[in-house]
Protein backbone atom coordinates (compact mmCIF):
# COMPACT_ATOMS: atom_id res chain seq x y z
CA MET A 1 32.10 44.08 -9.22
CA GLY A 2 33.19 41.72 -12.05
CA ALA A 3 34.46 42.63 -15.48
CA LEU A 4 32.16 44.80 -17.57
CA ARG A 5 30.73 42.76 -20.45
CA VAL A 6 30.39 44.89 -23.59
CA PHE A 7 28.91 43.77 -26.93
CA LEU A 8 29.83 46.12 -29.80
CA ILE A 9 28.70 46.19 -33.44
CA ALA A 10 30.36 48.20 -36.21
CA GLY A 11 29.47 47.86 -39.89
CA GLU A 12 32.10 49.87 -41.76
CA ALA A 13 35.64 51.27 -41.53
CA SER A 14 34.66 54.57 -39.87
CA GLY A 15 32.68 52.66 -37.23
CA ASP A 16 35.63 50.32 -36.69
CA ARG A 17 37.84 53.34 -35.90
CA LEU A 18 35.27 54.79 -33.48
CA GLY A 19 34.79 51.38 -31.85
CA ALA A 20 38.53 50.80 -31.38
CA ALA A 21 38.99 54.22 -29.72
CA LEU A 22 35.98 53.56 -27.45
CA MET A 23 37.34 50.13 -26.51
CA ALA A 24 40.75 51.64 -25.65
CA GLY A 25 38.96 54.24 -23.52
CA LEU A 26 36.93 51.59 -21.66
CA LYS A 27 40.07 49.50 -21.01
CA SER A 28 41.75 52.52 -19.43
CA LEU A 29 38.82 53.03 -17.05
CA ALA A 30 37.56 49.54 -16.17
CA GLN A 31 38.11 45.81 -16.43
CA VAL A 32 36.27 44.89 -19.64
CA GLU A 33 35.36 41.84 -21.68
CA PHE A 34 34.51 42.53 -25.35
CA MET A 35 32.46 40.60 -27.89
CA GLY A 36 30.62 41.49 -31.08
CA VAL A 37 31.22 42.43 -34.72
CA GLY A 38 34.09 44.69 -35.77
CA GLY A 39 36.97 45.19 -38.17
CA ALA A 40 40.74 44.96 -37.85
CA GLN A 41 41.10 47.91 -35.45
CA MET A 42 38.46 46.64 -32.99
CA GLN A 43 39.93 43.15 -33.21
CA ALA A 44 43.35 44.61 -32.34
CA GLU A 45 41.76 46.03 -29.14
CA GLY A 46 40.64 42.55 -28.06
CA MET A 47 37.49 41.46 -29.89
CA ASP A 48 36.89 38.23 -31.81
CA SER A 49 34.42 39.26 -34.51
CA LEU A 50 31.34 37.07 -34.84
CA PHE A 51 31.75 37.26 -38.64
CA PRO A 52 33.74 39.54 -41.02
CA MET A 53 32.55 43.14 -40.62
CA GLU A 54 33.04 43.69 -44.37
CA GLU A 55 29.83 41.71 -45.02
CA LEU A 56 27.91 44.71 -43.65
CA SER A 57 29.72 47.40 -45.67
CA VAL A 58 27.13 47.75 -48.43
CA MET A 59 25.96 51.11 -49.71
CA GLY A 60 22.67 51.99 -51.40
CA LEU A 61 19.52 50.13 -52.38
CA ALA A 62 20.95 48.51 -55.52
CA GLU A 63 23.80 46.98 -53.50
CA ILE A 64 21.64 45.93 -50.53
CA LEU A 65 18.80 44.16 -52.40
CA PRO A 66 20.81 41.14 -53.64
CA LYS A 67 22.23 40.64 -50.13
CA TYR A 68 19.01 41.35 -48.22
CA ARG A 69 18.30 37.73 -47.20
CA HIS A 70 21.87 37.20 -46.04
CA LEU A 71 21.84 40.49 -44.04
CA LYS A 72 18.52 39.46 -42.47
CA ARG A 73 20.12 36.21 -41.31
CA ARG A 74 23.12 38.14 -39.92
CA ILE A 75 20.75 40.49 -38.01
CA ALA A 76 18.99 37.49 -36.41
CA GLN A 77 22.33 35.76 -35.68
CA THR A 78 23.79 38.90 -34.07
CA ALA A 79 20.69 39.57 -31.95
CA ARG A 80 20.74 35.93 -30.75
CA ALA A 81 24.46 36.26 -29.88
CA VAL A 82 23.71 39.40 -27.81
CA LEU A 83 20.84 37.68 -25.95
CA ASP A 84 22.98 34.56 -25.30
CA ALA A 85 25.93 36.66 -24.06
CA LYS A 86 23.76 38.78 -21.69
CA PRO A 87 26.21 41.74 -21.78
CA ASP A 88 25.97 44.75 -19.44
CA VAL A 89 25.57 46.95 -22.50
CA LEU A 90 25.11 46.66 -26.27
CA ILE A 91 26.89 49.45 -28.18
CA THR A 92 25.91 49.82 -31.84
CA ILE A 93 28.12 52.09 -33.96
CA ASP A 94 26.63 54.00 -36.91
CA SER A 95 25.32 51.65 -39.73
CA PRO A 96 21.73 52.23 -38.53
CA ASP A 97 20.08 49.94 -41.11
CA PHE A 98 21.82 46.94 -39.54
CA CYS A 99 22.48 48.09 -35.98
CA LEU A 100 19.04 49.40 -35.09
CA ARG A 101 17.37 46.25 -36.41
CA VAL A 102 19.60 44.20 -34.10
CA ALA A 103 18.79 46.54 -31.18
CA ARG A 104 15.04 46.17 -31.91
CA GLN A 105 15.25 42.37 -31.64
CA VAL A 106 17.38 42.58 -28.49
CA LYS A 107 14.96 45.02 -26.79
CA ALA A 108 11.95 42.88 -27.76
CA ALA A 109 13.39 39.96 -25.78
CA SER A 110 15.38 41.63 -22.95
CA ASP A 111 16.09 44.79 -20.97
CA ILE A 112 19.77 44.97 -22.05
CA ARG A 113 20.92 48.59 -22.15
CA CYS A 114 21.42 49.77 -25.75
CA VAL A 115 23.76 52.64 -26.64
CA HIS A 116 24.10 53.98 -30.20
CA TYR A 117 27.29 55.82 -31.21
CA VAL A 118 26.75 58.52 -33.92
CA ALA A 119 23.42 60.33 -33.83
CA PRO A 120 21.28 60.24 -36.98
CA THR A 121 21.25 63.53 -38.89
CA VAL A 122 17.68 64.38 -37.82
CA TRP A 123 18.63 68.10 -37.78
CA ALA A 124 19.14 67.89 -41.57
CA TRP A 125 16.33 65.60 -42.75
CA ARG A 126 13.78 62.95 -41.64
CA PRO A 127 13.40 64.17 -38.02
CA GLY A 128 11.00 61.29 -37.26
CA ARG A 129 14.00 58.92 -37.08
CA ALA A 130 14.76 60.10 -33.53
CA GLU A 131 11.36 59.00 -32.15
CA LYS A 132 11.64 55.65 -33.91
CA MET A 133 15.15 55.15 -32.54
CA ALA A 134 14.03 56.01 -29.00
CA GLN A 135 11.90 52.84 -28.98
CA VAL A 136 15.05 50.70 -28.84
CA ILE A 137 17.97 52.98 -27.81
CA ASP A 138 18.58 54.20 -24.24
CA GLN A 139 21.58 56.47 -24.84
CA VAL A 140 23.21 58.16 -27.83
CA LEU A 141 26.86 59.22 -28.15
CA ALA A 142 26.90 62.29 -30.43
CA LEU A 143 29.74 63.61 -32.60
CA PHE A 144 28.35 67.16 -32.86
CA PRO A 145 27.60 69.59 -30.01
CA PHE A 146 24.23 70.65 -31.44
CA GLU A 147 22.81 67.08 -31.52
CA PRO A 148 21.88 66.29 -27.87
CA PRO A 149 18.71 68.46 -27.75
CA TYR A 150 17.25 66.57 -30.74
CA MET A 151 17.90 63.17 -29.15
CA GLU A 152 16.78 64.24 -25.68
CA ALA A 153 13.51 65.65 -27.08
CA ALA A 154 12.79 62.14 -28.41
CA GLY A 155 13.38 60.64 -24.95
CA MET A 156 16.96 59.34 -25.10
CA ARG A 157 19.94 60.31 -22.98
CA CYS A 158 22.51 61.93 -25.29
CA ASP A 159 26.16 62.77 -24.56
CA PHE A 160 28.30 64.89 -26.89
CA VAL A 161 31.66 63.06 -26.84
CA GLY A 162 33.67 64.99 -29.44
CA HIS A 163 34.40 64.27 -33.10
CA PRO A 164 37.20 61.81 -34.02
CA VAL A 165 38.72 64.38 -36.40
CA VAL A 166 40.16 66.25 -33.39
CA ALA A 167 42.24 63.21 -32.42
CA GLU A 168 43.69 62.62 -35.88
CA PRO A 169 47.24 63.79 -36.71
CA VAL A 170 47.76 66.96 -38.77
CA ALA A 171 50.86 67.71 -40.84
CA SER A 172 53.28 70.38 -39.62
CA ASP A 173 54.34 73.42 -41.66
CA ASP A 174 57.72 71.71 -42.15
CA ALA A 175 56.00 68.63 -43.60
CA ALA A 176 54.02 70.90 -45.94
CA GLN A 177 57.20 72.66 -47.11
CA SER A 178 58.92 69.31 -47.66
CA PHE A 179 55.92 68.15 -49.72
CA ARG A 180 56.17 71.24 -51.93
CA ALA A 181 59.93 70.83 -52.37
CA ARG A 182 59.63 67.07 -53.09
CA HIS A 183 57.13 67.66 -55.90
CA GLY A 184 58.74 70.78 -57.37
CA LEU A 185 55.83 73.03 -56.36
CA ASP A 186 57.97 75.75 -54.75
CA ASP A 187 55.73 78.79 -54.00
CA ALA A 188 53.10 78.06 -56.68
CA PRO A 189 49.46 78.57 -55.59
CA LEU A 190 48.20 75.07 -54.83
CA LEU A 191 44.63 73.80 -55.30
CA LEU A 192 43.66 70.56 -53.56
CA LEU A 193 40.96 68.67 -55.45
CA LEU A 194 38.84 66.17 -53.48
CA PRO A 195 36.12 64.70 -55.73
CA GLY A 196 34.95 62.04 -53.27
CA SER A 197 35.54 58.36 -52.59
CA ARG A 198 32.58 56.70 -54.33
CA ARG A 199 32.53 55.96 -58.05
CA GLY A 200 29.14 57.65 -58.56
CA GLU A 201 30.17 60.95 -57.01
CA VAL A 202 33.59 60.98 -58.72
CA GLY A 203 31.85 60.28 -62.04
CA ARG A 204 29.49 63.23 -61.52
CA LEU A 205 31.96 65.70 -60.00
CA MET A 206 35.19 65.23 -61.98
CA PRO A 207 33.87 66.77 -65.25
CA VAL A 208 32.76 69.86 -63.27
CA PHE A 209 35.99 69.99 -61.24
CA SER A 210 38.06 69.62 -64.46
CA ASP A 211 36.22 72.60 -65.95
CA VAL A 212 36.84 74.62 -62.77
CA CYS A 213 40.58 73.89 -63.00
CA ALA A 214 40.70 74.89 -66.68
CA ARG A 215 38.98 78.21 -65.90
CA LEU A 216 41.26 78.95 -62.95
CA GLN A 217 44.45 78.06 -64.83
CA ALA A 218 43.43 80.31 -67.73
CA ASP A 219 43.66 83.24 -65.28
CA ARG A 220 46.45 81.79 -63.12
CA PRO A 221 48.79 79.71 -65.32
CA ASP A 222 51.03 79.17 -62.29
CA LEU A 223 48.24 77.35 -60.36
CA ARG A 224 49.10 73.73 -59.55
CA VAL A 225 46.56 71.02 -58.72
CA VAL A 226 47.03 68.05 -56.41
CA ILE A 227 44.47 65.21 -56.17
CA PRO A 228 44.75 62.64 -53.36
CA ALA A 229 42.95 59.59 -54.77
CA VAL A 230 41.22 56.65 -53.10
CA ALA A 231 42.47 53.33 -54.55
CA HIS A 232 39.22 52.15 -56.18
CA VAL A 233 38.56 55.50 -57.92
CA ALA A 234 42.20 56.28 -58.89
CA PRO A 235 41.74 54.88 -62.45
CA MET A 236 38.71 57.18 -62.93
CA ILE A 237 40.78 60.19 -61.85
CA ASP A 238 43.62 59.19 -64.21
CA GLU A 239 41.11 59.03 -67.07
CA ALA A 240 39.35 62.30 -66.15
CA THR A 241 42.63 64.26 -66.02
CA GLU A 242 44.16 62.81 -69.20
CA GLY A 243 44.94 65.62 -71.61
CA TRP A 244 44.84 68.42 -69.02
CA PRO A 245 47.14 71.21 -70.32
CA SER A 246 48.89 71.28 -66.94
CA ALA A 247 49.13 67.77 -65.50
CA PRO A 248 47.89 67.53 -61.89
CA LEU A 249 49.87 65.78 -59.18
CA ILE A 250 47.82 62.64 -58.37
CA LEU A 251 48.59 60.96 -55.06
CA ASP A 252 47.85 57.31 -55.78
CA PRO A 253 47.65 54.84 -52.88
CA ARG A 254 47.86 51.76 -55.13
CA GLY A 255 51.00 49.90 -54.23
CA ALA A 256 52.03 52.57 -51.70
CA ASN A 257 52.82 51.95 -48.04
CA ALA A 258 49.59 52.81 -46.13
CA ALA A 259 51.25 54.88 -43.38
CA GLY A 260 53.49 56.67 -45.88
CA PHE A 261 50.53 57.51 -48.13
CA ALA A 262 48.51 58.82 -45.15
CA ALA A 263 51.41 61.11 -44.17
CA GLU A 264 51.77 62.33 -47.78
CA LYS A 265 48.04 63.08 -47.95
CA ARG A 266 48.16 65.03 -44.66
CA ALA A 267 51.12 67.03 -45.99
CA ALA A 268 49.14 67.84 -49.17
CA PHE A 269 46.21 69.08 -47.07
CA ARG A 270 48.53 71.35 -45.10
CA ALA A 271 50.44 72.56 -48.16
CA ALA A 272 47.36 73.54 -50.19
CA ASP A 273 46.27 77.18 -50.40
CA VAL A 274 42.65 76.27 -51.16
CA ALA A 275 40.60 73.08 -51.57
CA LEU A 276 37.65 72.23 -53.78
CA ALA A 277 35.94 69.26 -52.15
CA ALA A 278 32.89 67.06 -52.34
CA SER A 279 30.47 67.56 -49.45
CA GLY A 280 31.09 65.34 -46.40
CA THR A 281 33.34 64.93 -43.37
CA VAL A 282 36.33 65.96 -45.52
CA SER A 283 35.38 69.58 -44.72
CA LEU A 284 36.27 68.83 -41.08
CA GLU A 285 39.63 67.31 -42.11
CA LEU A 286 40.36 70.48 -44.09
CA ALA A 287 39.38 72.66 -41.12
CA ALA A 288 41.68 70.61 -38.87
CA SER A 289 44.53 71.35 -41.32
CA GLY A 290 43.56 75.03 -41.55
CA THR A 291 42.95 74.72 -45.31
CA PRO A 292 40.31 77.14 -46.69
CA MET A 293 37.76 75.44 -48.93
CA VAL A 294 34.87 75.54 -51.37
CA ILE A 295 32.36 72.67 -51.20
CA ALA A 296 30.48 71.30 -54.22
CA TYR A 297 28.23 68.30 -54.70
CA ASP A 298 25.73 66.92 -57.16
CA MET A 299 23.47 63.90 -57.30
CA SER A 300 21.02 62.30 -59.71
CA TRP A 301 18.02 64.39 -60.83
CA LEU A 302 15.61 62.27 -58.76
CA SER A 303 17.77 62.50 -55.61
CA ARG A 304 17.98 66.28 -56.12
CA GLN A 305 14.17 66.57 -56.12
CA ILE A 306 13.74 64.36 -53.04
CA ILE A 307 16.53 65.93 -50.97
CA ALA A 308 15.45 69.50 -51.84
CA ARG A 309 11.97 68.78 -50.44
CA MET A 310 13.25 67.03 -47.30
CA LEU A 311 16.22 69.19 -46.27
CA LEU A 312 15.70 71.20 -43.07
CA VAL A 313 18.94 73.24 -43.16
CA ASP A 314 20.23 75.91 -45.55
CA THR A 315 23.78 74.49 -45.64
CA VAL A 316 25.14 70.94 -45.70
CA THR A 317 28.75 71.92 -44.97
CA LEU A 318 29.71 70.75 -41.48
CA VAL A 319 32.10 73.66 -40.86
CA ASN A 320 29.20 76.07 -41.48
CA LEU A 321 26.85 74.09 -39.23
CA VAL A 322 29.24 73.65 -36.29
CA SER A 323 30.59 77.23 -36.39
CA GLU A 324 27.08 78.65 -36.95
CA THR A 325 28.46 80.74 -39.81
CA ARG A 326 28.17 80.48 -43.58
CA ALA A 327 31.89 81.12 -44.09
CA VAL A 328 32.43 78.22 -46.51
CA PRO A 329 30.92 78.73 -50.00
CA GLU A 330 28.96 75.68 -51.20
CA PHE A 331 27.47 74.72 -54.57
CA ILE A 332 24.98 71.88 -54.25
CA GLY A 333 22.73 70.24 -56.87
CA ALA A 334 21.74 72.66 -59.64
CA ASP A 335 24.37 75.15 -58.34
CA CYS A 336 27.19 72.65 -58.90
CA ARG A 337 28.43 74.42 -62.05
CA ALA A 338 31.97 75.38 -63.03
CA ASP A 339 30.99 78.95 -63.98
CA ARG A 340 29.80 79.52 -60.38
CA ILE A 341 32.42 77.47 -58.55
CA ALA A 342 35.56 78.85 -60.26
CA PRO A 343 35.03 82.50 -59.15
CA ALA A 344 34.39 81.31 -55.56
CA VAL A 345 37.65 79.31 -55.53
CA ALA A 346 39.52 82.33 -56.96
CA GLN A 347 38.03 84.53 -54.24
CA VAL A 348 39.09 82.13 -51.45
CA LEU A 349 42.58 81.96 -52.99
CA ALA A 350 42.73 85.78 -52.91
CA ALA A 351 41.42 86.06 -49.32
CA PRO A 352 42.28 82.77 -47.54
CA ASP A 353 41.93 84.19 -44.00
CA ALA A 354 38.18 84.81 -44.35
CA GLN A 355 37.45 81.23 -43.17
CA ARG A 356 40.14 81.03 -40.49
CA ALA A 357 37.95 81.95 -37.50
CA ALA A 358 35.14 79.58 -38.56
CA MET A 359 37.58 76.68 -38.96
CA GLU A 360 39.19 77.31 -35.56
CA LEU A 361 35.79 77.64 -33.85
CA THR A 362 34.67 74.37 -35.49
CA MET A 363 37.67 72.48 -34.12
CA GLU A 364 37.23 74.01 -30.67
CA ARG A 365 33.53 73.07 -30.59
CA LEU A 366 34.29 69.52 -31.77
CA GLY A 367 36.59 68.99 -28.79
CA ARG A 368 40.12 69.93 -29.82
CA GLY A 369 42.25 70.37 -26.70
CA GLN A 370 39.91 68.26 -24.56
CA ALA A 371 40.07 64.55 -23.64
CA ALA A 372 40.16 62.22 -26.66
CA PRO A 373 36.69 61.35 -28.06
CA GLY A 374 37.19 57.62 -27.39
CA LEU A 375 37.84 58.31 -23.72
CA ARG A 376 34.90 60.73 -23.49
CA ALA A 377 32.65 58.11 -25.13
CA ALA A 378 33.84 55.46 -22.65
CA THR A 379 33.18 57.78 -19.70
CA ALA A 380 29.65 58.48 -21.00
CA VAL A 381 28.92 54.72 -21.37
CA LEU A 382 30.11 54.00 -17.82
CA SER A 383 28.11 56.97 -16.49
CA GLY A 384 24.97 55.62 -18.20
CA LEU A 385 25.55 52.27 -16.50
CA GLY A 386 26.00 53.95 -13.12
CA ARG A 387 29.69 52.95 -13.06
CA ALA A 388 31.22 56.42 -13.48
């Protein structure tokens, strides 16, 4: 049997990380030849990208519309490259707007096996996406243990392969203590503020989060706040915290060494007594660090109305969903108000162990202590090809 020919497509940084881990897993199990579209990490594993992956990293309708014609050309170009290469398998990674359009064109002209990595959130909203996806996808690699039944009901094979958060490093208690000592925090109660990574969400959340901090520090003057920033929103955070009576510690990646900043951020997660965070996968990073949390999120009025009518679950916090508890307090949409959030943060600060079991169960269910997700994903791909 010759080398396995694998065509992969990733459209953004998170997909590039998943793709690189999957490629490493495949290389450890078989002789493989890679082609496709990916970022720096996938290229480091042995892929020459058809074009720069960054062209696909566009978010939202307003950003996509001006680039629609160009993206359409890239979809056609990528589908043609897959058909010309005749790989054993096409693996598309997240970015469904681009990836599933490529898969549709490939399936229309061939019987190439198509695998999609990261199941759509049909358990939360728009369940019809699974049936539509099943027209072009043979197998799904899922990040969450509750996803396979949804995909299988639509007619696709689905393998739960573990969440990448379980393979990411976590700071030690010593690193956390060093972080506190380095920044003169000593034994002060420490609040970690995580207002998101997109300008829109930071713009909406920081005024609320600032108010929460003011309320908490009125009762607890010794409370210190640390904010790990993302480079492109760091100026917004500087502006939003200007004039705070007690200046927060802002971890700014601009001009910092990337590995050093990542280690500092991990240490901050571990050192914090409680976190107030925007909704998203950050709740899993906090659970991995054992940091109790409160989740808050708001969106535009129109998005609120649409989402409220479409949502199928009573919580959007991943720790709550995976652990099948409602241990993490969340304040979404109209509930995203400082007068409601501040007492919840104070309560978590007073009783931090209340979330401990839910966080540990979440990590266990996501695959901590098992084979790395990239290797599990590779094994599932080979099994689907009959090469296990």
